Amino acid sequence: MYQNRESEVNKMVFALFSKGKNHDGWDKCWEQGLTPWDLGQHTPVLVHLCNSGALPKGRTLIPGCGSGYDVMAIACSERYVVGVDISDIAIKKAKELSSGSPNAEHFTFLKTDFFTWHPAELFDLIFDYTFFCAIEPDLRSIWASKIREFLKPDGELITLIYPIDNHEAMKKCCILLGLKQYLLWKISWLLHLVGEERSWGGGKGSSATP
């Protein structure tokens, strides 16, 4: 039943994107509540890394931040977090949800296009959960270049592969993971792949450094 519902939602999301520009599709998804990537809470493994002291401190970027749960969860006096999203509706929702957050001074949300954005300062950490897997294929190599451009020389990229629960999704996930690793390898980054039982659906985490 769940898989059928997920399949129907994915078809509806695809239909929205086929009717207009990419950024229009994201706004329509948020407007109609077709957001299967939105957990409705923070990502468990990210908070675990934060609480265990394993998550790097300093300026942090979360592209495609959506509702902003992860941004709010890891922001602190030692870690300023910037959440960006191309959807105006997503950013408005993130700001509404975080309006009374006690750590609000340690994060911000920006409505911007990751691929044309030029931040004033570089980042110590970038966390990518459902961003790379959602972009158009012709943007993937640009994604790698932007990651390198945005990170400090000793910065770190942490990615988490979207949870999967069927064979076809598994094959697609492996292809995306391999492609992501290849793109980062091309720019001479060190890669580490680990399994994380706290992730949703047994997802895989990948860490990369320049």
N, C-alpha and C. Protein backbone atom coordinates (compact mmCIF):
# COMPACT_ATOMS: atom_id res chain seq x y z
N MET A 1 0.83 -1.20 0.00
CA MET A 1 0.00 0.00 0.00
C MET A 1 0.87 1.26 0.00
N TYR A 2 1.90 1.27 0.90
CA TYR A 2 2.78 2.44 0.99
C TYR A 2 3.52 2.67 -0.31
N GLN A 3 4.03 1.56 -0.93
CA GLN A 3 4.78 1.69 -2.18
C GLN A 3 3.88 2.23 -3.29
N ASN A 4 2.62 1.77 -3.34
CA ASN A 4 1.70 2.27 -4.36
C ASN A 4 1.44 3.76 -4.17
N ARG A 5 1.26 4.17 -2.91
CA ARG A 5 1.02 5.59 -2.62
C ARG A 5 2.24 6.42 -3.01
N GLU A 6 3.45 5.90 -2.68
CA GLU A 6 4.68 6.62 -3.00
C GLU A 6 4.83 6.75 -4.51
N SER A 7 4.49 5.68 -5.25
CA SER A 7 4.58 5.71 -6.71
C SER A 7 3.64 6.75 -7.30
N GLU A 8 2.43 6.81 -6.77
CA GLU A 8 1.45 7.78 -7.26
C GLU A 8 1.90 9.21 -7.00
N VAL A 9 2.46 9.45 -5.81
CA VAL A 9 2.96 10.78 -5.47
C VAL A 9 4.09 11.17 -6.40
N ASN A 10 5.01 10.24 -6.66
CA ASN A 10 6.13 10.52 -7.55
C ASN A 10 5.65 10.87 -8.96
N LYS A 11 4.62 10.17 -9.43
CA LYS A 11 4.06 10.47 -10.75
C LYS A 11 3.46 11.87 -10.78
N MET A 12 2.80 12.25 -9.72
CA MET A 12 2.20 13.58 -9.64
C MET A 12 3.27 14.66 -9.60
N VAL A 13 4.35 14.39 -8.88
CA VAL A 13 5.46 15.34 -8.82
C VAL A 13 6.07 15.52 -10.20
N PHE A 14 6.29 14.41 -10.90
CA PHE A 14 6.86 14.46 -12.25
C PHE A 14 5.97 15.26 -13.18
N ALA A 15 4.66 15.07 -13.05
CA ALA A 15 3.71 15.78 -13.91
C ALA A 15 3.79 17.29 -13.69
N LEU A 16 3.98 17.70 -12.46
CA LEU A 16 4.09 19.13 -12.17
C LEU A 16 5.33 19.73 -12.82
N PHE A 17 6.43 19.00 -12.80
CA PHE A 17 7.67 19.50 -13.39
C PHE A 17 7.60 19.55 -14.90
N SER A 18 6.83 18.67 -15.49
CA SER A 18 6.74 18.62 -16.95
C SER A 18 5.93 19.77 -17.53
N LYS A 19 5.25 20.52 -16.66
CA LYS A 19 4.38 21.60 -17.14
C LYS A 19 5.05 22.97 -17.16
N GLY A 20 6.23 23.07 -16.62
CA GLY A 20 6.86 24.40 -16.58
C GLY A 20 8.32 24.33 -16.22
N LYS A 21 8.85 25.47 -15.82
CA LYS A 21 10.26 25.55 -15.46
C LYS A 21 10.50 24.76 -14.18
N ASN A 22 11.76 24.36 -13.99
CA ASN A 22 12.11 23.53 -12.84
C ASN A 22 11.70 24.18 -11.53
N HIS A 23 12.02 25.47 -11.35
CA HIS A 23 11.72 26.11 -10.07
C HIS A 23 10.22 26.26 -9.86
N ASP A 24 9.46 26.38 -10.95
CA ASP A 24 8.00 26.42 -10.84
C ASP A 24 7.46 25.10 -10.28
N GLY A 25 8.09 24.01 -10.71
CA GLY A 25 7.67 22.69 -10.25
C GLY A 25 7.83 22.53 -8.75
N TRP A 26 8.93 23.06 -8.21
CA TRP A 26 9.15 22.95 -6.76
C TRP A 26 8.08 23.71 -5.99
N ASP A 27 7.77 24.92 -6.44
CA ASP A 27 6.74 25.71 -5.77
C ASP A 27 5.38 25.00 -5.83
N LYS A 28 5.08 24.40 -6.98
CA LYS A 28 3.81 23.69 -7.13
C LYS A 28 3.74 22.48 -6.20
N CYS A 29 4.87 21.79 -6.04
CA CYS A 29 4.91 20.63 -5.14
C CYS A 29 4.60 21.06 -3.71
N TRP A 30 5.24 22.14 -3.28
CA TRP A 30 5.00 22.62 -1.91
C TRP A 30 3.58 23.14 -1.76
N GLU A 31 3.09 23.79 -2.77
CA GLU A 31 1.74 24.35 -2.73
C GLU A 31 0.69 23.27 -2.60
N GLN A 32 0.92 22.12 -3.28
CA GLN A 32 -0.06 21.04 -3.27
C GLN A 32 0.25 19.95 -2.24
N GLY A 33 1.30 20.15 -1.46
CA GLY A 33 1.64 19.18 -0.43
C GLY A 33 2.24 17.90 -0.97
N LEU A 34 2.80 17.95 -2.17
CA LEU A 34 3.44 16.77 -2.77
C LEU A 34 4.94 16.82 -2.47
N THR A 35 5.28 16.53 -1.22
CA THR A 35 6.67 16.65 -0.77
C THR A 35 7.12 15.37 -0.06
N PRO A 36 7.25 14.25 -0.79
CA PRO A 36 7.64 12.99 -0.16
C PRO A 36 9.02 13.02 0.47
N TRP A 37 9.85 13.99 0.08
CA TRP A 37 11.19 14.11 0.65
C TRP A 37 11.18 14.79 2.02
N ASP A 38 10.07 15.41 2.38
CA ASP A 38 9.98 16.15 3.64
C ASP A 38 9.60 15.19 4.77
N LEU A 39 10.53 14.93 5.69
CA LEU A 39 10.28 13.99 6.78
C LEU A 39 9.34 14.54 7.84
N GLY A 40 9.18 15.86 7.87
CA GLY A 40 8.37 16.47 8.92
C GLY A 40 9.14 16.59 10.22
N GLN A 41 10.43 16.35 10.17
CA GLN A 41 11.31 16.45 11.33
C GLN A 41 12.75 16.46 10.82
N HIS A 42 13.70 16.59 11.74
CA HIS A 42 15.11 16.59 11.35
C HIS A 42 15.54 15.19 10.90
N THR A 43 16.68 15.13 10.21
CA THR A 43 17.25 13.85 9.77
C THR A 43 17.97 13.21 10.95
N PRO A 44 17.55 12.02 11.41
CA PRO A 44 18.12 11.40 12.61
C PRO A 44 19.64 11.29 12.61
N VAL A 45 20.23 10.84 11.50
CA VAL A 45 21.68 10.64 11.49
C VAL A 45 22.42 11.96 11.62
N LEU A 46 21.88 13.03 11.08
CA LEU A 46 22.54 14.33 11.18
C LEU A 46 22.58 14.80 12.63
N VAL A 47 21.47 14.65 13.33
CA VAL A 47 21.41 15.04 14.73
C VAL A 47 22.32 14.15 15.58
N HIS A 48 22.40 12.87 15.22
CA HIS A 48 23.30 11.95 15.93
C HIS A 48 24.75 12.42 15.78
N LEU A 49 25.15 12.79 14.57
CA LEU A 49 26.51 13.28 14.35
C LEU A 49 26.75 14.55 15.14
N CYS A 50 25.74 15.39 15.20
CA CYS A 50 25.84 16.65 15.94
C CYS A 50 26.01 16.38 17.44
N ASN A 51 25.15 15.54 18.00
CA ASN A 51 25.19 15.25 19.43
C ASN A 51 26.44 14.49 19.85
N SER A 52 26.99 13.70 18.93
CA SER A 52 28.18 12.91 19.26
C SER A 52 29.47 13.71 19.09
N GLY A 53 29.35 14.93 18.57
CA GLY A 53 30.53 15.77 18.39
C GLY A 53 31.28 15.49 17.10
N ALA A 54 30.71 14.64 16.23
CA ALA A 54 31.39 14.27 14.99
C ALA A 54 31.12 15.24 13.85
N LEU A 55 30.15 16.11 14.02
CA LEU A 55 29.79 17.05 12.95
C LEU A 55 30.70 18.28 13.03
N PRO A 56 31.35 18.64 11.92
CA PRO A 56 32.25 19.80 11.92
C PRO A 56 31.55 21.08 12.37
N LYS A 57 32.31 21.93 13.02
CA LYS A 57 31.79 23.23 13.45
C LYS A 57 32.02 24.25 12.33
N GLY A 58 31.60 25.49 12.55
CA GLY A 58 31.83 26.55 11.57
C GLY A 58 30.63 26.78 10.68
N ARG A 59 30.85 27.52 9.60
CA ARG A 59 29.77 27.85 8.67
C ARG A 59 29.31 26.60 7.91
N THR A 60 28.01 26.39 7.90
CA THR A 60 27.44 25.19 7.29
C THR A 60 26.36 25.57 6.28
N LEU A 61 26.36 24.86 5.16
CA LEU A 61 25.37 25.08 4.11
C LEU A 61 24.51 23.83 3.92
N ILE A 62 23.20 24.02 3.85
CA ILE A 62 22.28 22.93 3.51
C ILE A 62 21.49 23.35 2.28
N PRO A 63 21.89 22.88 1.09
CA PRO A 63 21.15 23.23 -0.13
C PRO A 63 19.86 22.44 -0.23
N GLY A 64 18.82 23.05 -0.81
CA GLY A 64 17.53 22.38 -0.89
C GLY A 64 16.99 22.09 0.50
N CYS A 65 17.05 23.09 1.38
CA CYS A 65 16.74 22.88 2.80
C CYS A 65 15.27 22.63 3.09
N GLY A 66 14.38 22.96 2.14
CA GLY A 66 12.96 22.71 2.35
C GLY A 66 12.41 23.40 3.58
N SER A 67 11.76 22.63 4.45
CA SER A 67 11.13 23.19 5.65
C SER A 67 12.13 23.65 6.70
N GLY A 68 13.38 23.29 6.53
CA GLY A 68 14.43 23.79 7.41
C GLY A 68 14.66 23.05 8.71
N TYR A 69 14.10 21.85 8.85
CA TYR A 69 14.27 21.10 10.10
C TYR A 69 15.74 20.84 10.43
N ASP A 70 16.52 20.44 9.43
CA ASP A 70 17.93 20.14 9.67
C ASP A 70 18.71 21.40 10.02
N VAL A 71 18.36 22.49 9.38
CA VAL A 71 19.03 23.77 9.67
C VAL A 71 18.86 24.12 11.14
N MET A 72 17.62 24.06 11.62
CA MET A 72 17.33 24.40 13.01
C MET A 72 17.97 23.42 13.99
N ALA A 73 18.04 22.14 13.59
CA ALA A 73 18.50 21.09 14.50
C ALA A 73 19.99 21.19 14.83
N ILE A 74 20.81 21.66 13.90
CA ILE A 74 22.26 21.64 14.14
C ILE A 74 22.87 23.02 14.35
N ALA A 75 22.07 24.08 14.21
CA ALA A 75 22.60 25.43 14.40
C ALA A 75 22.90 25.69 15.88
N CYS A 76 24.06 26.28 16.14
CA CYS A 76 24.45 26.61 17.51
C CYS A 76 25.49 27.72 17.47
N SER A 77 25.98 28.11 18.63
CA SER A 77 26.93 29.21 18.69
C SER A 77 28.23 28.90 17.95
N GLU A 78 28.54 27.62 17.79
CA GLU A 78 29.77 27.21 17.11
C GLU A 78 29.53 26.77 15.67
N ARG A 79 28.27 26.80 15.25
CA ARG A 79 27.95 26.35 13.89
C ARG A 79 26.82 27.22 13.33
N TYR A 80 27.18 28.16 12.45
CA TYR A 80 26.17 29.01 11.81
C TYR A 80 25.71 28.31 10.53
N VAL A 81 24.42 28.10 10.40
CA VAL A 81 23.88 27.31 9.29
C VAL A 81 23.07 28.17 8.33
N VAL A 82 23.35 28.01 7.04
CA VAL A 82 22.62 28.70 5.99
C VAL A 82 21.82 27.67 5.20
N GLY A 83 20.51 27.82 5.19
CA GLY A 83 19.65 26.93 4.42
C GLY A 83 19.17 27.65 3.17
N VAL A 84 19.39 27.06 2.01
CA VAL A 84 18.94 27.70 0.76
C VAL A 84 17.97 26.78 0.03
N ASP A 85 17.04 27.39 -0.67
CA ASP A 85 16.08 26.63 -1.46
C ASP A 85 15.57 27.52 -2.59
N ILE A 86 15.29 26.92 -3.73
CA ILE A 86 14.81 27.68 -4.88
C ILE A 86 13.32 27.97 -4.79
N SER A 87 12.64 27.27 -3.89
CA SER A 87 11.20 27.45 -3.73
C SER A 87 10.89 28.54 -2.71
N ASP A 88 10.18 29.54 -3.14
CA ASP A 88 9.77 30.62 -2.25
C ASP A 88 8.84 30.11 -1.16
N ILE A 89 7.98 29.16 -1.51
CA ILE A 89 7.03 28.60 -0.54
C ILE A 89 7.77 27.82 0.54
N ALA A 90 8.79 27.04 0.14
CA ALA A 90 9.57 26.27 1.11
C ALA A 90 10.27 27.19 2.09
N ILE A 91 10.87 28.26 1.58
CA ILE A 91 11.58 29.19 2.45
C ILE A 91 10.62 29.90 3.40
N LYS A 92 9.46 30.26 2.91
CA LYS A 92 8.46 30.90 3.78
C LYS A 92 8.03 29.94 4.89
N LYS A 93 7.87 28.66 4.54
CA LYS A 93 7.49 27.67 5.55
C LYS A 93 8.59 27.51 6.58
N ALA A 94 9.84 27.46 6.11
CA ALA A 94 10.98 27.30 7.01
C ALA A 94 11.05 28.47 7.99
N LYS A 95 10.84 29.66 7.49
CA LYS A 95 10.88 30.85 8.36
C LYS A 95 9.74 30.84 9.37
N GLU A 96 8.58 30.36 8.95
CA GLU A 96 7.44 30.29 9.87
C GLU A 96 7.70 29.26 10.97
N LEU A 97 8.20 28.09 10.59
CA LEU A 97 8.47 27.04 11.56
C LEU A 97 9.55 27.43 12.56
N SER A 98 10.49 28.25 12.12
CA SER A 98 11.64 28.61 12.97
C SER A 98 11.47 29.94 13.68
N SER A 99 10.32 30.57 13.52
CA SER A 99 10.14 31.93 14.04
C SER A 99 10.37 32.05 15.55
N GLY A 100 10.06 31.00 16.31
CA GLY A 100 10.25 31.07 17.75
C GLY A 100 11.42 30.24 18.24
N SER A 101 12.29 29.82 17.34
CA SER A 101 13.41 28.96 17.71
C SER A 101 14.41 29.69 18.61
N PRO A 102 14.83 29.06 19.72
CA PRO A 102 15.76 29.71 20.65
C PRO A 102 17.16 29.93 20.07
N ASN A 103 17.49 29.21 18.99
CA ASN A 103 18.81 29.37 18.37
C ASN A 103 18.74 30.13 17.05
N ALA A 104 17.70 30.93 16.88
CA ALA A 104 17.45 31.63 15.61
C ALA A 104 18.60 32.51 15.15
N GLU A 105 19.39 33.02 16.10
CA GLU A 105 20.50 33.89 15.73
C GLU A 105 21.64 33.13 15.06
N HIS A 106 21.56 31.81 15.07
CA HIS A 106 22.65 30.99 14.53
C HIS A 106 22.31 30.35 13.18
N PHE A 107 21.23 30.79 12.54
CA PHE A 107 20.92 30.27 11.21
C PHE A 107 20.14 31.29 10.41
N THR A 108 20.10 31.07 9.10
CA THR A 108 19.32 31.93 8.22
C THR A 108 18.82 31.12 7.04
N PHE A 109 17.75 31.57 6.42
CA PHE A 109 17.19 30.92 5.24
C PHE A 109 17.22 31.89 4.07
N LEU A 110 17.66 31.40 2.91
CA LEU A 110 17.73 32.24 1.72
C LEU A 110 17.00 31.58 0.56
N LYS A 111 16.18 32.36 -0.12
CA LYS A 111 15.53 31.89 -1.33
C LYS A 111 16.47 32.22 -2.49
N THR A 112 17.14 31.22 -3.03
CA THR A 112 18.12 31.47 -4.10
C THR A 112 18.35 30.20 -4.91
N ASP A 113 18.96 30.36 -6.06
CA ASP A 113 19.32 29.24 -6.93
C ASP A 113 20.75 28.84 -6.61
N PHE A 114 20.93 27.65 -6.08
CA PHE A 114 22.25 27.13 -5.71
C PHE A 114 23.25 27.27 -6.85
N PHE A 115 22.80 27.11 -8.08
CA PHE A 115 23.71 27.07 -9.23
C PHE A 115 24.12 28.44 -9.75
N THR A 116 23.48 29.49 -9.31
CA THR A 116 23.87 30.84 -9.73
C THR A 116 24.28 31.70 -8.53
N TRP A 117 24.17 31.15 -7.36
CA TRP A 117 24.45 31.87 -6.11
C TRP A 117 25.95 32.04 -5.90
N HIS A 118 26.34 33.18 -5.33
CA HIS A 118 27.73 33.45 -4.99
C HIS A 118 27.79 33.94 -3.55
N PRO A 119 27.95 33.02 -2.59
CA PRO A 119 27.97 33.42 -1.17
C PRO A 119 29.16 34.32 -0.85
N ALA A 120 28.97 35.20 0.11
CA ALA A 120 30.03 36.13 0.50
C ALA A 120 31.16 35.43 1.24
N GLU A 121 30.84 34.32 1.92
CA GLU A 121 31.84 33.57 2.68
C GLU A 121 31.77 32.09 2.32
N LEU A 122 32.91 31.41 2.45
CA LEU A 122 32.96 29.97 2.18
C LEU A 122 32.46 29.19 3.39
N PHE A 123 32.26 27.88 3.18
CA PHE A 123 31.69 27.04 4.23
C PHE A 123 32.67 25.97 4.71
N ASP A 124 32.52 25.62 6.00
CA ASP A 124 33.30 24.53 6.59
C ASP A 124 32.64 23.19 6.33
N LEU A 125 31.33 23.20 6.14
CA LEU A 125 30.57 21.96 5.96
C LEU A 125 29.39 22.20 5.02
N ILE A 126 29.14 21.23 4.15
CA ILE A 126 27.92 21.21 3.33
C ILE A 126 27.24 19.87 3.56
N PHE A 127 25.94 19.90 3.86
CA PHE A 127 25.17 18.67 4.05
C PHE A 127 24.15 18.54 2.93
N ASP A 128 24.26 17.46 2.15
CA ASP A 128 23.37 17.21 1.01
C ASP A 128 22.58 15.93 1.29
N TYR A 129 21.26 16.08 1.44
CA TYR A 129 20.43 14.89 1.68
C TYR A 129 19.61 14.55 0.44
N THR A 130 18.66 15.37 0.09
CA THR A 130 17.81 15.08 -1.07
C THR A 130 18.01 16.10 -2.18
N PHE A 131 19.20 16.68 -2.26
CA PHE A 131 19.45 17.73 -3.25
C PHE A 131 20.01 17.16 -4.56
N PHE A 132 21.14 16.46 -4.49
CA PHE A 132 21.78 15.92 -5.69
C PHE A 132 20.84 15.01 -6.47
N CYS A 133 20.10 14.17 -5.75
CA CYS A 133 19.22 13.20 -6.43
C CYS A 133 18.03 13.87 -7.11
N ALA A 134 17.78 15.15 -6.79
CA ALA A 134 16.60 15.82 -7.35
C ALA A 134 16.91 16.74 -8.52
N ILE A 135 18.18 17.04 -8.75
CA ILE A 135 18.51 17.99 -9.81
C ILE A 135 18.52 17.33 -11.18
N GLU A 136 18.41 18.15 -12.22
CA GLU A 136 18.45 17.65 -13.59
C GLU A 136 19.83 17.05 -13.90
N PRO A 137 19.89 15.99 -14.72
CA PRO A 137 21.17 15.35 -15.05
C PRO A 137 22.24 16.30 -15.57
N ASP A 138 21.84 17.31 -16.35
CA ASP A 138 22.84 18.21 -16.92
C ASP A 138 23.40 19.19 -15.89
N LEU A 139 22.88 19.15 -14.67
CA LEU A 139 23.39 20.03 -13.61
C LEU A 139 24.34 19.30 -12.66
N ARG A 140 24.50 18.00 -12.83
CA ARG A 140 25.26 17.22 -11.85
C ARG A 140 26.74 17.58 -11.82
N SER A 141 27.35 17.78 -12.98
CA SER A 141 28.77 18.16 -12.98
C SER A 141 28.94 19.57 -12.42
N ILE A 142 27.94 20.43 -12.66
CA ILE A 142 27.98 21.79 -12.12
C ILE A 142 27.83 21.73 -10.60
N TRP A 143 27.02 20.79 -10.12
CA TRP A 143 26.87 20.58 -8.68
C TRP A 143 28.23 20.34 -8.03
N ALA A 144 29.03 19.45 -8.63
CA ALA A 144 30.35 19.15 -8.07
C ALA A 144 31.24 20.39 -8.06
N SER A 145 31.20 21.16 -9.13
CA SER A 145 32.01 22.38 -9.21
C SER A 145 31.58 23.39 -8.15
N LYS A 146 30.27 23.51 -7.94
CA LYS A 146 29.76 24.45 -6.95
C LYS A 146 30.12 24.02 -5.53
N ILE A 147 30.07 22.72 -5.27
CA ILE A 147 30.46 22.21 -3.96
C ILE A 147 31.91 22.59 -3.68
N ARG A 148 32.77 22.38 -4.66
CA ARG A 148 34.18 22.74 -4.50
C ARG A 148 34.35 24.24 -4.32
N GLU A 149 33.58 25.02 -5.07
CA GLU A 149 33.67 26.48 -4.98
C GLU A 149 33.22 27.00 -3.62
N PHE A 150 32.19 26.39 -3.04
CA PHE A 150 31.61 26.88 -1.80
C PHE A 150 32.37 26.46 -0.55
N LEU A 151 33.10 25.35 -0.62
CA LEU A 151 33.79 24.83 0.56
C LEU A 151 35.17 25.44 0.76
N LYS A 152 35.55 25.60 2.02
CA LYS A 152 36.91 26.01 2.35
C LYS A 152 37.86 24.87 1.97
N PRO A 153 39.16 25.15 1.80
CA PRO A 153 40.12 24.11 1.41
C PRO A 153 40.10 22.88 2.33
N ASP A 154 39.81 23.08 3.61
CA ASP A 154 39.76 21.95 4.55
C ASP A 154 38.32 21.61 4.94
N GLY A 155 37.37 22.07 4.13
CA GLY A 155 35.96 21.82 4.42
C GLY A 155 35.54 20.39 4.14
N GLU A 156 34.30 20.06 4.49
CA GLU A 156 33.81 18.68 4.32
C GLU A 156 32.38 18.68 3.77
N LEU A 157 32.14 17.75 2.86
CA LEU A 157 30.80 17.52 2.32
C LEU A 157 30.28 16.21 2.90
N ILE A 158 29.09 16.23 3.48
CA ILE A 158 28.44 15.02 3.97
C ILE A 158 27.15 14.84 3.19
N THR A 159 26.97 13.67 2.60
CA THR A 159 25.74 13.40 1.86
C THR A 159 25.06 12.16 2.42
N LEU A 160 23.75 12.11 2.26
CA LEU A 160 22.98 10.96 2.70
C LEU A 160 22.08 10.55 1.55
N ILE A 161 22.16 9.30 1.15
CA ILE A 161 21.37 8.82 0.02
C ILE A 161 19.93 8.58 0.46
N TYR A 162 18.99 9.03 -0.37
CA TYR A 162 17.56 8.93 -0.05
C TYR A 162 17.16 7.48 0.23
N PRO A 163 16.37 7.24 1.28
CA PRO A 163 15.95 5.89 1.64
C PRO A 163 15.26 5.15 0.49
N ILE A 164 15.49 3.85 0.42
CA ILE A 164 14.92 3.04 -0.66
C ILE A 164 14.31 1.77 -0.07
N ASP A 165 13.28 1.25 -0.71
CA ASP A 165 12.66 0.04 -0.17
C ASP A 165 12.20 -0.92 -1.26
N ASN A 166 12.75 -0.78 -2.48
CA ASN A 166 12.43 -1.76 -3.52
C ASN A 166 13.61 -1.88 -4.47
N HIS A 167 13.60 -2.95 -5.27
CA HIS A 167 14.75 -3.28 -6.11
C HIS A 167 15.06 -2.20 -7.14
N GLU A 168 14.04 -1.70 -7.81
CA GLU A 168 14.27 -0.69 -8.85
C GLU A 168 14.86 0.58 -8.25
N ALA A 169 14.34 0.98 -7.09
CA ALA A 169 14.88 2.16 -6.42
C ALA A 169 16.31 1.92 -5.99
N MET A 170 16.61 0.69 -5.57
CA MET A 170 17.97 0.35 -5.16
C MET A 170 18.94 0.55 -6.32
N LYS A 171 18.56 0.08 -7.51
CA LYS A 171 19.43 0.23 -8.68
C LYS A 171 19.67 1.70 -9.00
N LYS A 172 18.59 2.50 -8.94
CA LYS A 172 18.72 3.93 -9.22
C LYS A 172 19.60 4.60 -8.18
N CYS A 173 19.43 4.21 -6.92
CA CYS A 173 20.23 4.77 -5.84
C CYS A 173 21.71 4.49 -6.05
N CYS A 174 22.04 3.25 -6.43
CA CYS A 174 23.43 2.87 -6.65
C CYS A 174 24.04 3.65 -7.81
N ILE A 175 23.25 3.87 -8.85
CA ILE A 175 23.73 4.64 -10.00
C ILE A 175 24.02 6.07 -9.59
N LEU A 176 23.10 6.68 -8.83
CA LEU A 176 23.29 8.06 -8.37
C LEU A 176 24.49 8.17 -7.44
N LEU A 177 24.64 7.19 -6.55
CA LEU A 177 25.77 7.21 -5.63
C LEU A 177 27.08 7.10 -6.39
N GLY A 178 27.12 6.17 -7.36
CA GLY A 178 28.32 6.01 -8.16
C GLY A 178 28.65 7.26 -8.94
N LEU A 179 27.64 7.90 -9.50
CA LEU A 179 27.85 9.12 -10.27
C LEU A 179 28.35 10.24 -9.37
N LYS A 180 27.76 10.36 -8.19
CA LYS A 180 28.19 11.39 -7.25
C LYS A 180 29.65 11.18 -6.86
N GLN A 181 30.03 9.93 -6.57
CA GLN A 181 31.41 9.64 -6.21
C GLN A 181 32.35 9.94 -7.37
N TYR A 182 31.94 9.61 -8.59
CA TYR A 182 32.78 9.85 -9.76
C TYR A 182 33.01 11.35 -9.96
N LEU A 183 31.95 12.14 -9.82
CA LEU A 183 32.08 13.59 -10.01
C LEU A 183 33.02 14.20 -8.98
N LEU A 184 32.95 13.71 -7.74
CA LEU A 184 33.84 14.22 -6.71
C LEU A 184 35.26 13.71 -6.91
N TRP A 185 35.39 12.47 -7.38
CA TRP A 185 36.71 11.92 -7.67
C TRP A 185 37.40 12.72 -8.77
N LYS A 186 36.64 13.19 -9.73
CA LYS A 186 37.20 13.97 -10.84
C LYS A 186 37.83 15.27 -10.35
N ILE A 187 37.35 15.80 -9.23
CA ILE A 187 37.96 17.02 -8.71
C ILE A 187 38.90 16.70 -7.54
N SER A 188 39.36 15.43 -7.53
CA SER A 188 40.43 14.99 -6.62
C SER A 188 40.05 15.08 -5.14
N TRP A 189 38.86 14.63 -4.78
CA TRP A 189 38.45 14.63 -3.38
C TRP A 189 38.60 13.23 -2.79
N LEU A 190 38.85 13.19 -1.47
CA LEU A 190 38.90 11.94 -0.74
C LEU A 190 37.47 11.56 -0.37
N LEU A 191 37.10 10.29 -0.58
CA LEU A 191 35.72 9.85 -0.34
C LEU A 191 35.67 8.76 0.72
N HIS A 192 34.61 8.79 1.54
CA HIS A 192 34.37 7.76 2.55
C HIS A 192 32.89 7.40 2.51
N LEU A 193 32.59 6.11 2.43
CA LEU A 193 31.20 5.65 2.38
C LEU A 193 30.91 4.79 3.61
N VAL A 194 29.85 5.13 4.35
CA VAL A 194 29.52 4.37 5.55
C VAL A 194 28.02 4.11 5.59
N GLY A 195 27.64 2.99 6.21
CA GLY A 195 26.23 2.69 6.43
C GLY A 195 25.82 3.31 7.76
N GLU A 196 24.58 3.73 7.87
CA GLU A 196 24.13 4.38 9.12
C GLU A 196 22.75 3.87 9.48
N GLU A 197 22.67 3.10 10.56
CA GLU A 197 21.41 2.47 10.93
C GLU A 197 20.36 3.47 11.42
N ARG A 198 20.78 4.69 11.75
CA ARG A 198 19.81 5.69 12.21
C ARG A 198 19.11 6.38 11.05
N SER A 199 19.61 6.17 9.82
CA SER A 199 18.99 6.84 8.68
C SER A 199 17.65 6.19 8.35
N TRP A 200 16.80 6.92 7.66
CA TRP A 200 15.49 6.42 7.28
C TRP A 200 15.65 5.35 6.21
N GLY A 201 15.13 4.14 6.48
CA GLY A 201 15.15 3.09 5.48
C GLY A 201 16.54 2.53 5.20
N GLY A 202 17.49 2.70 6.14
CA GLY A 202 18.82 2.15 5.94
C GLY A 202 19.62 2.85 4.88
N GLY A 203 19.52 4.15 4.82
CA GLY A 203 20.25 4.92 3.82
C GLY A 203 21.75 4.83 4.01
N LYS A 204 22.47 5.25 3.00
CA LYS A 204 23.92 5.25 3.04
C LYS A 204 24.44 6.68 3.12
N GLY A 205 25.46 6.87 3.93
CA GLY A 205 26.05 8.19 4.05
C GLY A 205 27.37 8.23 3.31
N SER A 206 27.70 9.37 2.76
CA SER A 206 28.96 9.54 2.05
C SER A 206 29.59 10.84 2.49
N SER A 207 30.89 10.78 2.80
CA SER A 207 31.60 11.97 3.23
C SER A 207 32.73 12.24 2.26
N ALA A 208 32.97 13.50 1.95
CA ALA A 208 34.03 13.85 1.01
C ALA A 208 34.76 15.10 1.49
N THR A 209 36.07 15.12 1.25
CA THR A 209 36.87 16.28 1.60
C THR A 209 37.80 16.61 0.45
N PRO A 210 38.15 17.90 0.28
CA PRO A 210 39.04 18.29 -0.82
C PRO A 210 40.39 17.62 -0.68
